[in-house]
Amino acid sequence: MRPLVLGMGCFFPGFMFSLPITMVWAGYRRAPGDGVKISFYVGFLATIICWIVLLRKRKAQPLS
């Protein structure tokens, strides 16, 4: 359960760090509201990656 909760906690930093970059990029390439959508997807991707890493790390640890 712990890796899943920590993985969800990775969403916010992924979203916040990508938001300024995607807002500038979206201003030049797309409609201004698209930056938030892209940052949401980056945050979601950060969550998925974090889950995978944490779950693999948990399985690799020997039981003690």
N, C-alpha and C. Protein backbone atom coordinates (compact mmCIF):
# COMPACT_ATOMS: atom_id res chain seq x y z
N MET A 1 0.82 -1.19 0.00
CA MET A 1 0.00 0.00 0.00
C MET A 1 0.87 1.26 0.00
N ARG A 2 2.00 1.18 0.71
CA ARG A 2 2.87 2.35 0.82
C ARG A 2 3.39 2.85 -0.54
N PRO A 3 3.86 1.95 -1.45
CA PRO A 3 4.32 2.44 -2.75
C PRO A 3 3.22 3.15 -3.55
N LEU A 4 1.98 2.69 -3.41
CA LEU A 4 0.89 3.33 -4.14
C LEU A 4 0.63 4.75 -3.64
N VAL A 5 0.65 4.92 -2.33
CA VAL A 5 0.43 6.25 -1.75
C VAL A 5 1.58 7.19 -2.11
N LEU A 6 2.82 6.68 -2.02
CA LEU A 6 3.96 7.51 -2.40
C LEU A 6 3.94 7.85 -3.88
N GLY A 7 3.49 6.92 -4.70
CA GLY A 7 3.36 7.18 -6.14
C GLY A 7 2.36 8.28 -6.43
N MET A 8 1.25 8.27 -5.70
CA MET A 8 0.27 9.35 -5.88
C MET A 8 0.86 10.69 -5.43
N GLY A 9 1.75 10.65 -4.46
CA GLY A 9 2.41 11.86 -4.01
C GLY A 9 3.37 12.43 -5.04
N CYS A 10 3.75 11.65 -6.02
CA CYS A 10 4.63 12.13 -7.09
C CYS A 10 3.87 12.95 -8.13
N PHE A 11 2.55 12.88 -8.12
CA PHE A 11 1.77 13.63 -9.10
C PHE A 11 1.97 15.13 -8.94
N PHE A 12 1.85 15.63 -7.74
CA PHE A 12 1.90 17.07 -7.52
C PHE A 12 3.23 17.68 -7.93
N PRO A 13 4.38 17.12 -7.52
CA PRO A 13 5.64 17.71 -7.99
C PRO A 13 5.81 17.64 -9.51
N GLY A 14 5.41 16.53 -10.11
CA GLY A 14 5.49 16.41 -11.57
C GLY A 14 4.62 17.44 -12.26
N PHE A 15 3.45 17.67 -11.72
CA PHE A 15 2.53 18.66 -12.28
C PHE A 15 3.08 20.07 -12.11
N MET A 16 3.54 20.40 -10.92
CA MET A 16 3.99 21.77 -10.64
C MET A 16 5.28 22.13 -11.37
N PHE A 17 6.21 21.18 -11.48
CA PHE A 17 7.46 21.49 -12.18
C PHE A 17 7.26 21.61 -13.68
N SER A 18 6.31 20.92 -14.25
CA SER A 18 6.08 21.00 -15.68
C SER A 18 5.14 22.13 -16.07
N LEU A 19 4.39 22.67 -15.14
CA LEU A 19 3.40 23.69 -15.47
C LEU A 19 4.00 24.95 -16.09
N PRO A 20 5.04 25.56 -15.53
CA PRO A 20 5.56 26.78 -16.17
C PRO A 20 6.10 26.53 -17.58
N ILE A 21 6.77 25.41 -17.77
CA ILE A 21 7.33 25.11 -19.09
C ILE A 21 6.22 24.90 -20.11
N THR A 22 5.21 24.13 -19.74
CA THR A 22 4.14 23.84 -20.69
C THR A 22 3.25 25.06 -20.94
N MET A 23 3.13 25.95 -19.98
CA MET A 23 2.33 27.16 -20.20
C MET A 23 3.01 28.06 -21.24
N VAL A 24 4.32 28.18 -21.15
CA VAL A 24 5.06 28.98 -22.14
C VAL A 24 4.98 28.31 -23.50
N TRP A 25 5.19 26.99 -23.53
CA TRP A 25 5.15 26.26 -24.79
C TRP A 25 3.76 26.33 -25.42
N ALA A 26 2.73 26.18 -24.61
CA ALA A 26 1.36 26.19 -25.12
C ALA A 26 0.98 27.57 -25.64
N GLY A 27 1.55 28.61 -25.06
CA GLY A 27 1.27 29.96 -25.54
C GLY A 27 1.74 30.19 -26.97
N TYR A 28 2.81 29.51 -27.35
CA TYR A 28 3.34 29.66 -28.70
C TYR A 28 2.73 28.69 -29.69
N ARG A 29 2.42 27.51 -29.23
CA ARG A 29 2.00 26.44 -30.15
C ARG A 29 0.50 26.16 -30.17
N ARG A 30 -0.15 26.31 -29.07
CA ARG A 30 -1.55 25.89 -28.98
C ARG A 30 -2.37 26.94 -28.23
N ALA A 31 -3.58 26.57 -27.92
CA ALA A 31 -4.44 27.45 -27.13
C ALA A 31 -3.87 27.57 -25.71
N PRO A 32 -4.05 28.70 -25.04
CA PRO A 32 -3.46 28.90 -23.71
C PRO A 32 -3.87 27.87 -22.66
N GLY A 33 -5.03 27.29 -22.74
CA GLY A 33 -5.48 26.32 -21.75
C GLY A 33 -4.85 24.95 -21.88
N ASP A 34 -4.18 24.69 -23.00
CA ASP A 34 -3.58 23.38 -23.22
C ASP A 34 -2.41 23.09 -22.29
N GLY A 35 -1.76 24.12 -21.75
CA GLY A 35 -0.63 23.91 -20.86
C GLY A 35 -1.03 23.15 -19.61
N VAL A 36 -2.22 23.42 -19.10
CA VAL A 36 -2.69 22.73 -17.90
C VAL A 36 -2.96 21.26 -18.20
N LYS A 37 -3.52 20.98 -19.36
CA LYS A 37 -3.78 19.59 -19.74
C LYS A 37 -2.47 18.82 -19.88
N ILE A 38 -1.49 19.44 -20.54
CA ILE A 38 -0.21 18.77 -20.74
C ILE A 38 0.46 18.54 -19.40
N SER A 39 0.42 19.51 -18.50
CA SER A 39 1.03 19.35 -17.18
C SER A 39 0.32 18.26 -16.39
N PHE A 40 -0.99 18.14 -16.55
CA PHE A 40 -1.72 17.06 -15.90
C PHE A 40 -1.21 15.71 -16.37
N TYR A 41 -1.01 15.58 -17.68
CA TYR A 41 -0.52 14.33 -18.22
C TYR A 41 0.92 14.04 -17.77
N VAL A 42 1.74 15.08 -17.66
CA VAL A 42 3.11 14.89 -17.16
C VAL A 42 3.06 14.43 -15.70
N GLY A 43 2.19 15.03 -14.89
CA GLY A 43 2.03 14.62 -13.51
C GLY A 43 1.54 13.19 -13.41
N PHE A 44 0.61 12.82 -14.27
CA PHE A 44 0.10 11.45 -14.28
C PHE A 44 1.20 10.47 -14.69
N LEU A 45 2.02 10.85 -15.68
CA LEU A 45 3.13 10.02 -16.10
C LEU A 45 4.16 9.87 -14.97
N ALA A 46 4.40 10.95 -14.23
CA ALA A 46 5.32 10.88 -13.08
C ALA A 46 4.79 9.91 -12.03
N THR A 47 3.49 9.89 -11.83
CA THR A 47 2.88 8.96 -10.88
C THR A 47 3.08 7.51 -11.33
N ILE A 48 2.84 7.23 -12.59
CA ILE A 48 3.00 5.87 -13.12
C ILE A 48 4.45 5.42 -12.99
N ILE A 49 5.39 6.28 -13.37
CA ILE A 49 6.81 5.93 -13.28
C ILE A 49 7.21 5.68 -11.83
N CYS A 50 6.75 6.53 -10.94
CA CYS A 50 7.07 6.38 -9.52
C CYS A 50 6.51 5.06 -8.98
N TRP A 51 5.29 4.70 -9.35
CA TRP A 51 4.70 3.43 -8.93
C TRP A 51 5.55 2.26 -9.40
N ILE A 52 5.95 2.28 -10.66
CA ILE A 52 6.74 1.19 -11.21
C ILE A 52 8.06 1.04 -10.47
N VAL A 53 8.74 2.17 -10.27
CA VAL A 53 10.04 2.13 -9.58
C VAL A 53 9.88 1.63 -8.15
N LEU A 54 8.91 2.14 -7.43
CA LEU A 54 8.72 1.74 -6.04
C LEU A 54 8.30 0.29 -5.90
N LEU A 55 7.44 -0.18 -6.80
CA LEU A 55 7.01 -1.58 -6.72
C LEU A 55 8.13 -2.54 -7.08
N ARG A 56 8.95 -2.17 -8.05
CA ARG A 56 10.10 -3.01 -8.40
C ARG A 56 11.11 -3.02 -7.27
N LYS A 57 11.30 -1.88 -6.65
CA LYS A 57 12.24 -1.78 -5.54
C LYS A 57 11.76 -2.63 -4.36
N ARG A 58 10.46 -2.62 -4.15
CA ARG A 58 9.90 -3.41 -3.05
C ARG A 58 10.05 -4.90 -3.29
N LYS A 59 9.85 -5.34 -4.55
CA LYS A 59 9.99 -6.76 -4.88
C LYS A 59 11.45 -7.20 -4.83
N ALA A 60 12.37 -6.29 -5.08
CA ALA A 60 13.79 -6.65 -5.10
C ALA A 60 14.37 -6.79 -3.69
N GLN A 61 13.72 -6.23 -2.69
CA GLN A 61 14.22 -6.31 -1.32
C GLN A 61 13.95 -7.70 -0.75
N PRO A 62 14.95 -8.29 -0.10
CA PRO A 62 14.72 -9.59 0.50
C PRO A 62 13.81 -9.46 1.73
N LEU A 63 13.03 -10.47 1.99
CA LEU A 63 12.15 -10.47 3.15
C LEU A 63 12.99 -10.74 4.40
N SER A 64 12.77 -9.91 5.41
CA SER A 64 13.54 -10.14 6.64
C SER A 64 12.64 -10.22 7.83
